[in-house]
PDB file of all heavy atoms in Angstrom:
ATOM      1  N   ALA A   1       0.800  -1.192  -0.038  1.00  0.00           N
ATOM      2  CA  ALA A   1       0.009   0.001  -0.018  1.00  0.00           C
ATOM      3  C   ALA A   1       0.898   1.241   0.011  1.00  0.00           C
ATOM      4  O   ALA A   1       2.058   1.174   0.314  1.00  0.00           O
ATOM      5  CB  ALA A   1      -0.914  -0.025   1.188  1.00  0.00           C
ATOM      6  N   PHE A   2       0.281   2.378  -0.355  1.00  0.00           N
ATOM      7  CA  PHE A   2       1.050   3.599  -0.454  1.00  0.00           C
ATOM      8  C   PHE A   2       0.569   4.558   0.601  1.00  0.00           C
ATOM      9  O   PHE A   2      -0.569   4.940   0.722  1.00  0.00           O
ATOM     10  CB  PHE A   2       0.854   4.227  -1.824  1.00  0.00           C
ATOM     11  CG  PHE A   2       1.547   5.648  -1.950  1.00  0.00           C
ATOM     12  CD1 PHE A   2       2.913   5.671  -1.964  1.00  0.00           C
ATOM     13  CD2 PHE A   2       0.738   6.789  -1.950  1.00  0.00           C
ATOM     14  CE1 PHE A   2       3.559   6.940  -2.045  1.00  0.00           C
ATOM     15  CE2 PHE A   2       1.401   8.017  -2.017  1.00  0.00           C
ATOM     16  CZ  PHE A   2       2.750   8.113  -2.102  1.00  0.00           C
ATOM     17  N   ALA A   3       1.535   4.922   1.511  1.00  0.00           N
ATOM     18  CA  ALA A   3       1.196   5.808   2.610  1.00  0.00           C
ATOM     19  C   ALA A   3       1.665   7.219   2.260  1.00  0.00           C
ATOM     20  O   ALA A   3       2.890   7.425   2.202  1.00  0.00           O
ATOM     21  CB  ALA A   3       1.794   5.306   3.923  1.00  0.00           C
ATOM     22  N   HIS A   4       0.746   8.133   1.993  1.00  0.00           N
ATOM     23  CA  HIS A   4       1.187   9.442   1.612  1.00  0.00           C
ATOM     24  C   HIS A   4       1.792  10.274   2.825  1.00  0.00           C
ATOM     25  O   HIS A   4       1.210  10.165   3.921  1.00  0.00           O
ATOM     26  CB  HIS A   4      -0.093  10.266   1.097  1.00  0.00           C
ATOM     27  CG  HIS A   4       0.320  11.536   0.395  1.00  0.00           C
ATOM     28  ND1 HIS A   4       0.668  12.680   1.045  1.00  0.00           N
ATOM     29  CD2 HIS A   4       0.431  11.817  -0.903  1.00  0.00           C
ATOM     30  CE1 HIS A   4       0.941  13.617   0.184  1.00  0.00           C
ATOM     31  NE2 HIS A   4       0.779  13.125  -1.047  1.00  0.00           N
ATOM     32  N   PRO A   5       2.874  10.907   2.690  1.00  0.00           N
ATOM     33  CA  PRO A   5       3.538  11.531   3.788  1.00  0.00           C
ATOM     34  C   PRO A   5       2.701  12.590   4.458  1.00  0.00           C
ATOM     35  O   PRO A   5       2.896  12.988   5.667  1.00  0.00           O
ATOM     36  CB  PRO A   5       4.757  12.129   3.232  1.00  0.00           C
ATOM     37  CG  PRO A   5       4.556  12.231   1.710  1.00  0.00           C
ATOM     38  CD  PRO A   5       3.597  11.051   1.437  1.00  0.00           C
ATOM     39  N   GLY A   6       1.675  13.130   3.743  1.00  0.00           N
ATOM     40  CA  GLY A   6       0.822  14.193   4.311  1.00  0.00           C
ATOM     41  C   GLY A   6      -0.406  13.612   5.169  1.00  0.00           C
ATOM     42  O   GLY A   6      -1.155  14.497   5.682  1.00  0.00           O
ATOM     43  N   LEU A   7      -0.563  12.327   5.192  1.00  0.00           N
ATOM     44  CA  LEU A   7      -1.691  11.782   5.932  1.00  0.00           C
ATOM     45  C   LEU A   7      -1.612  11.939   7.437  1.00  0.00           C
ATOM     46  O   LEU A   7      -0.479  11.810   7.971  1.00  0.00           O
ATOM     47  CB  LEU A   7      -1.855  10.290   5.640  1.00  0.00           C
ATOM     48  CG  LEU A   7      -2.470   9.843   4.251  1.00  0.00           C
ATOM     49  CD1 LEU A   7      -2.409   8.362   4.115  1.00  0.00           C
ATOM     50  CD2 LEU A   7      -3.875  10.417   4.152  1.00  0.00           C
ATOM     51  N   PRO A   8      -2.690  12.309   8.116  1.00  0.00           N
ATOM     52  CA  PRO A   8      -2.634  12.444   9.548  1.00  0.00           C
ATOM     53  C   PRO A   8      -2.334  11.067  10.217  1.00  0.00           C
ATOM     54  O   PRO A   8      -2.672  10.004   9.600  1.00  0.00           O
ATOM     55  CB  PRO A   8      -4.045  12.925   9.887  1.00  0.00           C
ATOM     56  CG  PRO A   8      -4.646  13.477   8.685  1.00  0.00           C
ATOM     57  CD  PRO A   8      -3.995  12.656   7.557  1.00  0.00           C
ATOM     58  N   PRO A   9      -1.841  11.063  11.414  1.00  0.00           N
ATOM     59  CA  PRO A   9      -1.535   9.779  12.165  1.00  0.00           C
ATOM     60  C   PRO A   9      -2.805   9.003  12.303  1.00  0.00           C
ATOM     61  O   PRO A   9      -3.872   9.578  12.588  1.00  0.00           O
ATOM     62  CB  PRO A   9      -0.982  10.247  13.496  1.00  0.00           C
ATOM     63  CG  PRO A   9      -0.467  11.618  13.241  1.00  0.00           C
ATOM     64  CD  PRO A   9      -1.355  12.250  12.223  1.00  0.00           C
ATOM     65  N   GLY A  10      -2.760   7.737  12.092  1.00  0.00           N
ATOM     66  CA  GLY A  10      -3.891   6.838  12.300  1.00  0.00           C
ATOM     67  C   GLY A  10      -4.642   6.582  11.064  1.00  0.00           C
ATOM     68  O   GLY A  10      -5.498   5.694  11.040  1.00  0.00           O
ATOM     69  N   HIS A  11      -4.437   7.365  10.018  1.00  0.00           N
ATOM     70  CA  HIS A  11      -5.166   7.119   8.777  1.00  0.00           C
ATOM     71  C   HIS A  11      -4.523   5.974   7.978  1.00  0.00           C
ATOM     72  O   HIS A  11      -3.308   5.863   7.895  1.00  0.00           O
ATOM     73  CB  HIS A  11      -5.097   8.405   7.889  1.00  0.00           C
ATOM     74  CG  HIS A  11      -6.191   9.471   8.314  1.00  0.00           C
ATOM     75  ND1 HIS A  11      -7.187   9.820   7.504  1.00  0.00           N
ATOM     76  CD2 HIS A  11      -6.273  10.163   9.438  1.00  0.00           C
ATOM     77  CE1 HIS A  11      -7.926  10.710   8.089  1.00  0.00           C
ATOM     78  NE2 HIS A  11      -7.415  10.989   9.289  1.00  0.00           N
ATOM     79  N   ALA A  12      -5.352   5.087   7.421  1.00  0.00           N
ATOM     80  CA  ALA A  12      -4.928   3.907   6.707  1.00  0.00           C
ATOM     81  C   ALA A  12      -4.267   4.333   5.371  1.00  0.00           C
ATOM     82  O   ALA A  12      -4.689   5.294   4.721  1.00  0.00           O
ATOM     83  CB  ALA A  12      -6.060   2.963   6.486  1.00  0.00           C
ATOM     84  N   ALA A  13      -3.308   3.552   4.967  1.00  0.00           N
ATOM     85  CA  ALA A  13      -2.639   3.818   3.722  1.00  0.00           C
ATOM     86  C   ALA A  13      -3.620   3.432   2.617  1.00  0.00           C
ATOM     87  O   ALA A  13      -4.471   2.494   2.725  1.00  0.00           O
ATOM     88  CB  ALA A  13      -1.403   2.919   3.568  1.00  0.00           C
ATOM     89  N   THR A  14      -3.553   4.075   1.455  1.00  0.00           N
ATOM     90  CA  THR A  14      -4.405   3.852   0.327  1.00  0.00           C
ATOM     91  C   THR A  14      -4.017   2.618  -0.461  1.00  0.00           C
ATOM     92  O   THR A  14      -2.887   2.517  -0.873  1.00  0.00           O
ATOM     93  CB  THR A  14      -4.390   5.034  -0.659  1.00  0.00           C
ATOM     94  OG1 THR A  14      -4.656   6.226   0.080  1.00  0.00           O
ATOM     95  CG2 THR A  14      -5.366   4.799  -1.826  1.00  0.00           C
ATOM     96  N   PRO A  15      -4.926   1.601  -0.565  1.00  0.00           N
ATOM     97  CA  PRO A  15      -4.563   0.374  -1.316  1.00  0.00           C
ATOM     98  C   PRO A  15      -4.319   0.729  -2.787  1.00  0.00           C
ATOM     99  O   PRO A  15      -4.989   1.580  -3.394  1.00  0.00           O
ATOM    100  CB  PRO A  15      -5.791  -0.521  -1.226  1.00  0.00           C
ATOM    101  CG  PRO A  15      -6.512   0.002  -0.030  1.00  0.00           C
ATOM    102  CD  PRO A  15      -6.248   1.478   0.045  1.00  0.00           C
ATOM    103  N   MET A  16      -3.324   0.086  -3.371  1.00  0.00           N
ATOM    104  CA  MET A  16      -2.996   0.355  -4.780  1.00  0.00           C
ATOM    105  C   MET A  16      -4.050  -0.261  -5.738  1.00  0.00           C
ATOM    106  O   MET A  16      -4.453  -1.377  -5.515  1.00  0.00           O
ATOM    107  CB  MET A  16      -1.634  -0.166  -5.095  1.00  0.00           C
ATOM    108  CG  MET A  16      -0.462   0.402  -4.353  1.00  0.00           C
ATOM    109  SD  MET A  16      -0.188   2.168  -4.881  1.00  0.00           S
ATOM    110  CE  MET A  16       0.254   1.948  -6.590  1.00  0.00           C
ATOM    111  N   ILE A  17      -4.416   0.543  -6.772  1.00  0.00           N
ATOM    112  CA  ILE A  17      -5.271  -0.075  -7.810  1.00  0.00           C
ATOM    113  C   ILE A  17      -4.549  -1.020  -8.632  1.00  0.00           C
ATOM    114  O   ILE A  17      -4.979  -2.216  -8.877  1.00  0.00           O
ATOM    115  CB  ILE A  17      -5.929   1.026  -8.659  1.00  0.00           C
ATOM    116  CG1 ILE A  17      -6.754   2.021  -7.796  1.00  0.00           C
ATOM    117  CG2 ILE A  17      -6.774   0.483  -9.788  1.00  0.00           C
ATOM    118  CD1 ILE A  17      -7.250   3.228  -8.529  1.00  0.00           C
ATOM    119  N   ILE A  18      -3.394  -0.590  -9.050  1.00  0.00           N
ATOM    120  CA  ILE A  18      -2.427  -1.519  -9.846  1.00  0.00           C
ATOM    121  C   ILE A  18      -1.151  -1.422  -9.075  1.00  0.00           C
ATOM    122  O   ILE A  18      -0.517  -0.387  -8.955  1.00  0.00           O
ATOM    123  CB  ILE A  18      -2.205  -1.025 -11.315  1.00  0.00           C
ATOM    124  CG1 ILE A  18      -3.541  -1.058 -12.090  1.00  0.00           C
ATOM    125  CG2 ILE A  18      -1.111  -1.968 -11.971  1.00  0.00           C
ATOM    126  CD1 ILE A  18      -3.351  -0.581 -13.508  1.00  0.00           C
ATOM    127  N   GLU A  19      -0.763  -2.551  -8.509  1.00  0.00           N
ATOM    128  CA  GLU A  19       0.459  -2.612  -7.682  1.00  0.00           C
ATOM    129  C   GLU A  19       1.693  -2.802  -8.637  1.00  0.00           C
ATOM    130  O   GLU A  19       1.921  -3.877  -9.233  1.00  0.00           O
ATOM    131  CB  GLU A  19       0.459  -3.783  -6.788  1.00  0.00           C
ATOM    132  CG  GLU A  19       1.689  -4.078  -6.009  1.00  0.00           C
ATOM    133  CD  GLU A  19       2.271  -2.888  -5.312  1.00  0.00           C
ATOM    134  OE1 GLU A  19       1.657  -2.464  -4.375  1.00  0.00           O
ATOM    135  OE2 GLU A  19       3.339  -2.382  -5.728  1.00  0.00           O
ATOM    136  N   PRO A  20       2.474  -1.719  -8.890  1.00  0.00           N
ATOM    137  CA  PRO A  20       3.588  -1.763  -9.852  1.00  0.00           C
ATOM    138  C   PRO A  20       4.641  -2.782  -9.465  1.00  0.00           C
ATOM    139  O   PRO A  20       5.345  -3.284 -10.315  1.00  0.00           O
ATOM    140  CB  PRO A  20       4.106  -0.311  -9.847  1.00  0.00           C
ATOM    141  CG  PRO A  20       3.634   0.224  -8.604  1.00  0.00           C
ATOM    142  CD  PRO A  20       2.394  -0.387  -8.222  1.00  0.00           C
ATOM    143  N   ARG A  21       4.752  -3.016  -8.182  1.00  0.00           N
ATOM    144  CA  ARG A  21       5.818  -3.973  -7.716  1.00  0.00           C
ATOM    145  C   ARG A  21       5.473  -5.438  -8.068  1.00  0.00           C
ATOM    146  O   ARG A  21       6.287  -6.349  -8.073  1.00  0.00           O
ATOM    147  CB  ARG A  21       6.018  -3.850  -6.185  1.00  0.00           C
ATOM    148  CG  ARG A  21       6.777  -2.653  -5.812  1.00  0.00           C
ATOM    149  CD  ARG A  21       6.681  -2.319  -4.309  1.00  0.00           C
ATOM    150  NE  ARG A  21       5.241  -1.844  -4.032  1.00  0.00           N
ATOM    151  CZ  ARG A  21       4.938  -1.211  -2.925  1.00  0.00           C
ATOM    152  NH1 ARG A  21       5.904  -0.912  -2.031  1.00  0.00           N
ATOM    153  NH2 ARG A  21       3.715  -0.844  -2.728  1.00  0.00           N
ATOM    154  N   ASP A  22       4.158  -5.684  -8.381  1.00  0.00           N
ATOM    155  CA  ASP A  22       3.737  -7.021  -8.819  1.00  0.00           C
ATOM    156  C   ASP A  22       3.701  -7.158 -10.314  1.00  0.00           C
ATOM    157  O   ASP A  22       3.412  -8.235 -10.852  1.00  0.00           O
ATOM    158  CB  ASP A  22       2.303  -7.321  -8.279  1.00  0.00           C
ATOM    159  CG  ASP A  22       2.315  -7.557  -6.763  1.00  0.00           C
ATOM    160  OD1 ASP A  22       3.410  -7.867  -6.254  1.00  0.00           O
ATOM    161  OD2 ASP A  22       1.268  -7.375  -6.140  1.00  0.00           O
ATOM    162  N   GLY A  23       4.038  -6.149 -11.044  1.00  0.00           N
ATOM    163  CA  GLY A  23       4.032  -6.156 -12.496  1.00  0.00           C
ATOM    164  C   GLY A  23       2.648  -6.251 -13.133  1.00  0.00           C
ATOM    165  O   GLY A  23       1.593  -6.162 -12.393  1.00  0.00           O
ATOM    166  N   ASP A  24       2.597  -6.353 -14.401  1.00  0.00           N
ATOM    167  CA  ASP A  24       1.351  -6.482 -15.188  1.00  0.00           C
ATOM    168  C   ASP A  24       1.546  -7.188 -16.452  1.00  0.00           C
ATOM    169  O   ASP A  24       2.610  -7.859 -16.605  1.00  0.00           O
ATOM    170  CB  ASP A  24       0.746  -5.075 -15.410  1.00  0.00           C
ATOM    171  CG  ASP A  24       1.747  -4.113 -16.097  1.00  0.00           C
ATOM    172  OD1 ASP A  24       2.473  -4.525 -16.970  1.00  0.00           O
ATOM    173  OD2 ASP A  24       1.789  -2.972 -15.665  1.00  0.00           O
ATOM    174  N   ALA A  25       0.621  -7.177 -17.331  1.00  0.00           N
ATOM    175  CA  ALA A  25       0.649  -7.987 -18.586  1.00  0.00           C
ATOM    176  C   ALA A  25       1.871  -7.660 -19.392  1.00  0.00           C
ATOM    177  O   ALA A  25       2.386  -8.550 -20.077  1.00  0.00           O
ATOM    178  CB  ALA A  25      -0.647  -7.751 -19.385  1.00  0.00           C
ATOM    179  N   GLU A  26       2.333  -6.493 -19.382  1.00  0.00           N
ATOM    180  CA  GLU A  26       3.522  -6.135 -20.214  1.00  0.00           C
ATOM    181  C   GLU A  26       4.775  -6.988 -19.789  1.00  0.00           C
ATOM    182  O   GLU A  26       5.584  -7.292 -20.610  1.00  0.00           O
ATOM    183  CB  GLU A  26       3.857  -4.647 -20.026  1.00  0.00           C
ATOM    184  CG  GLU A  26       4.962  -4.114 -20.990  1.00  0.00           C
ATOM    185  CD  GLU A  26       5.169  -2.644 -20.889  1.00  0.00           C
ATOM    186  OE1 GLU A  26       5.459  -2.124 -19.755  1.00  0.00           O
ATOM    187  OE2 GLU A  26       4.922  -1.960 -21.878  1.00  0.00           O
ATOM    188  N   ASP A  27       4.867  -7.370 -18.514  1.00  0.00           N
ATOM    189  CA  ASP A  27       5.946  -8.199 -18.067  1.00  0.00           C
ATOM    190  C   ASP A  27       5.883  -9.567 -18.545  1.00  0.00           C
ATOM    191  O   ASP A  27       6.882 -10.377 -18.369  1.00  0.00           O
ATOM    192  CB  ASP A  27       6.015  -8.110 -16.533  1.00  0.00           C
ATOM    193  CG  ASP A  27       6.332  -6.790 -15.936  1.00  0.00           C
ATOM    194  OD1 ASP A  27       7.446  -6.261 -16.200  1.00  0.00           O
ATOM    195  OD2 ASP A  27       5.493  -6.167 -15.290  1.00  0.00           O
ATOM    196  N   ASP A  28       4.720 -10.021 -19.023  1.00  0.00           N
ATOM    197  CA  ASP A  28       4.528 -11.366 -19.570  1.00  0.00           C
ATOM    198  C   ASP A  28       4.647 -11.452 -21.057  1.00  0.00           C
ATOM    199  O   ASP A  28       4.336 -12.504 -21.653  1.00  0.00           O
ATOM    200  CB  ASP A  28       3.198 -11.951 -19.073  1.00  0.00           C
ATOM    201  CG  ASP A  28       3.093 -12.025 -17.575  1.00  0.00           C
ATOM    202  OD1 ASP A  28       4.080 -12.123 -16.927  1.00  0.00           O
ATOM    203  OD2 ASP A  28       1.932 -11.928 -17.117  1.00  0.00           O
ATOM    204  N   ALA A  29       5.007 -10.374 -21.711  1.00  0.00           N
ATOM    205  CA  ALA A  29       4.976 -10.318 -23.233  1.00  0.00           C
ATOM    206  C   ALA A  29       5.762 -11.444 -23.822  1.00  0.00           C
ATOM    207  O   ALA A  29       5.331 -12.004 -24.890  1.00  0.00           O
ATOM    208  CB  ALA A  29       5.491  -8.978 -23.725  1.00  0.00           C
ATOM    209  N   SER A  30       6.901 -11.840 -23.248  1.00  0.00           N
ATOM    210  CA  SER A  30       7.737 -12.857 -23.859  1.00  0.00           C
ATOM    211  C   SER A  30       7.796 -14.061 -22.961  1.00  0.00           C
ATOM    212  O   SER A  30       8.785 -14.860 -23.146  1.00  0.00           O
ATOM    213  CB  SER A  30       9.174 -12.266 -24.211  1.00  0.00           C
ATOM    214  OG  SER A  30       9.083 -11.246 -24.980  1.00  0.00           O
ATOM    215  N   SER A  31       7.008 -14.189 -21.998  1.00  0.00           N
ATOM    216  CA  SER A  31       7.109 -15.267 -20.978  1.00  0.00           C
ATOM    217  C   SER A  31       6.530 -16.552 -21.554  1.00  0.00           C
ATOM    218  O   SER A  31       5.359 -16.677 -21.869  1.00  0.00           O
ATOM    219  CB  SER A  31       6.389 -14.866 -19.738  1.00  0.00           C
ATOM    220  OG  SER A  31       6.302 -15.983 -18.835  1.00  0.00           O
ATOM    221  N   THR A  32       7.414 -17.554 -21.598  1.00  0.00           N
ATOM    222  CA  THR A  32       6.909 -18.872 -22.053  1.00  0.00           C
ATOM    223  C   THR A  32       6.210 -19.575 -20.958  1.00  0.00           C
ATOM    224  O   THR A  32       5.581 -20.681 -21.147  1.00  0.00           O
ATOM    225  CB  THR A  32       8.077 -19.760 -22.589  1.00  0.00           C
ATOM    226  OG1 THR A  32       9.116 -19.837 -21.550  1.00  0.00           O
ATOM    227  CG2 THR A  32       8.730 -19.213 -23.810  1.00  0.00           C
ATOM    228  N   LYS A  33       6.240 -19.044 -19.733  1.00  0.00           N
ATOM    229  CA  LYS A  33       5.579 -19.680 -18.610  1.00  0.00           C
ATOM    230  C   LYS A  33       4.105 -19.137 -18.473  1.00  0.00           C
ATOM    231  O   LYS A  33       3.233 -19.781 -17.975  1.00  0.00           O
ATOM    232  CB  LYS A  33       6.229 -19.264 -17.259  1.00  0.00           C
ATOM    233  CG  LYS A  33       7.726 -19.526 -17.231  1.00  0.00           C
ATOM    234  CD  LYS A  33       8.096 -21.045 -17.458  1.00  0.00           C
ATOM    235  CE  LYS A  33       9.599 -21.202 -17.427  1.00  0.00           C
ATOM    236  NZ  LYS A  33       9.979 -22.536 -17.828  1.00  0.00           N
ATOM    237  N   LYS A  34       3.873 -17.950 -19.117  1.00  0.00           N
ATOM    238  CA  LYS A  34       2.544 -17.331 -19.030  1.00  0.00           C
ATOM    239  C   LYS A  34       1.779 -17.378 -20.336  1.00  0.00           C
ATOM    240  O   LYS A  34       0.578 -17.276 -20.390  1.00  0.00           O
ATOM    241  CB  LYS A  34       2.679 -15.855 -18.551  1.00  0.00           C
ATOM    242  CG  LYS A  34       3.299 -15.714 -17.201  1.00  0.00           C
ATOM    243  CD  LYS A  34       2.384 -16.041 -16.109  1.00  0.00           C
ATOM    244  CE  LYS A  34       1.361 -14.939 -15.833  1.00  0.00           C
ATOM    245  NZ  LYS A  34       0.534 -15.170 -14.620  1.00  0.00           N
ATOM    246  N   ARG A  35       2.623 -17.493 -21.516  1.00  0.00           N
ATOM    247  CA  ARG A  35       1.980 -17.553 -22.816  1.00  0.00           C
ATOM    248  C   ARG A  35       2.529 -18.677 -23.630  1.00  0.00           C
ATOM    249  O   ARG A  35       3.653 -19.095 -23.435  1.00  0.00           O
ATOM    250  CB  ARG A  35       2.262 -16.233 -23.545  1.00  0.00           C
ATOM    251  CG  ARG A  35       1.784 -14.883 -22.885  1.00  0.00           C
ATOM    252  CD  ARG A  35       2.198 -13.719 -23.629  1.00  0.00           C
ATOM    253  NE  ARG A  35       1.444 -13.653 -24.917  1.00  0.00           N
ATOM    254  CZ  ARG A  35       1.856 -12.915 -25.932  1.00  0.00           C
ATOM    255  NH1 ARG A  35       2.933 -12.196 -25.915  1.00  0.00           N
ATOM    256  NH2 ARG A  35       1.139 -12.856 -26.993  1.00  0.00           N
ATOM    257  N   SER A  36       1.773 -19.232 -24.563  1.00  0.00           N
ATOM    258  CA  SER A  36       2.277 -20.258 -25.404  1.00  0.00           C
ATOM    259  C   SER A  36       3.245 -19.693 -26.413  1.00  0.00           C
ATOM    260  O   SER A  36       3.088 -18.510 -26.756  1.00  0.00           O
ATOM    261  CB  SER A  36       1.047 -20.993 -26.098  1.00  0.00           C
ATOM    262  OG  SER A  36       0.508 -20.159 -27.059  1.00  0.00           O
TER     263      SER A  36
END
C-alpha cells in the first residue's frame, strides 16, 4: 500500500489499484511460462 507523507496519524494507507511491484501484462509479453 502507499502511505502519503501528508496523511494524519492513524489514517490507513491507500490500497494500490495496480500494484507496480507485482508487474502487469507487459511483463509477460515474452514469457513462455505465461503464454504459449
